[in-house]
Amino acid sequence: MRRRSALAALLAVPAGVATAGCDDDDPAPVRRLVIAGGPPDTAYSRLGGVLVDAARKRWKIPAELLPTDGSVDNVRSLMDGAADLAFTTVDVAAAAQQGDRPFGVARPIAALASLYDDYLHIVVRKGEGINRLDDLAGRKVSTGPSNSAVDILADRLLKATKFTTDLRPVTADHHHEASVAADLLEKRSIDAFFTIGALPDDLVTGLDARVLIQLLPVEDETTTLAERAGEYFVTRSVPANTYGTAPEVVTLGVRTILVVRRAVADEVAYGFVRLLYDARGALRRVHSEAKRLDERSGLTTYPIDLHPGVTRYYREAKLLA
């Protein structure tokens, strides 16, 4: 995985002094900071890059963004000590906390803040007679890298809606990276692919510039999934013209949250959450979804509990008693 080679490079960097160059009232909470981001040019990597820069400037410590394959890899990086902070969707965090697929054993994590909604995109070529989920029966469909957040979400969605027809009768390898899946769709080698991301998703935007595409609506299916698999799945709308001239489409949304190991000290969690909110201006400049970041919505991390150390911050913001 990407995180292993990146971690080896990080371990060669001297740790430095934790409070070097810091104000006395804002000491660095760690000697070195590693943030598990995601694939290049995604919301996770862009927002993570901003936090890395903010930490370097604020605390004068080594800080790095760890490239990963996304939410599942991020949580694993966090729990094996390769990262101190991680972006993840809340359903993946819940799976980690409960020891469900793909983690196997419970992972003690805690939330710093809820950030924004990720949106499920089921992408097809326009004019191919695929207009709803049922139309995927017998088609060649990529559901994302094996055991990735989108692969697990696709599996949950299809099972919750009793969609049992084999989506992949031709290709044995249906677990593609989103960028690979987009290329395959453009070449007509597959008929559809699942991906998940903030709006607008850069990869889908790029594909839309080359090929006429549309997103499949999953309004009823989202309601069914929320009832059966957890309240953290919600109905969301992709606004009209998000991609080209496409009309509004109802789809599934799931929160992205920022998490830490539950065992980190309270003052460390407090320092991290201060860093996050103090950097919100820069975060909003690199991705439009970051405009939704505020302390009130930041509390909505269910079913992942807030780290005890961040409750101090939210009390100072007059949001907790």
Foldseek 3Di string as FASTA:
>chain_A
DQQVVVLVVVVVDDQADQQPPADPVQTRQGSEAEEEFEAPPALRQLLQVLLQVLCCVHRVHHYYYGYDHAALRQLVCQQVVSGFKYKHFLLSLVCQQPCHPPRNDHAAKFFLFWFFKKFKFKKFFPPPPDAAPLVLAPFAEAQAAPRHPSNVVVVLLCVLVVNDHDNHPDDPDRHDHPLVVLVCRLVVVGGIYIDMGDFPTPSLQVSLVPGHMATHACVVSQVSSCVPPHVQKDKDWDPACSHNRYHIGIGIITIMTMMGRLPRDLVNSCSSSVSSVVSLVVSCVRDVRNVPDDLVNGCPSPPGHHRVSSVVVSVVVVNHD
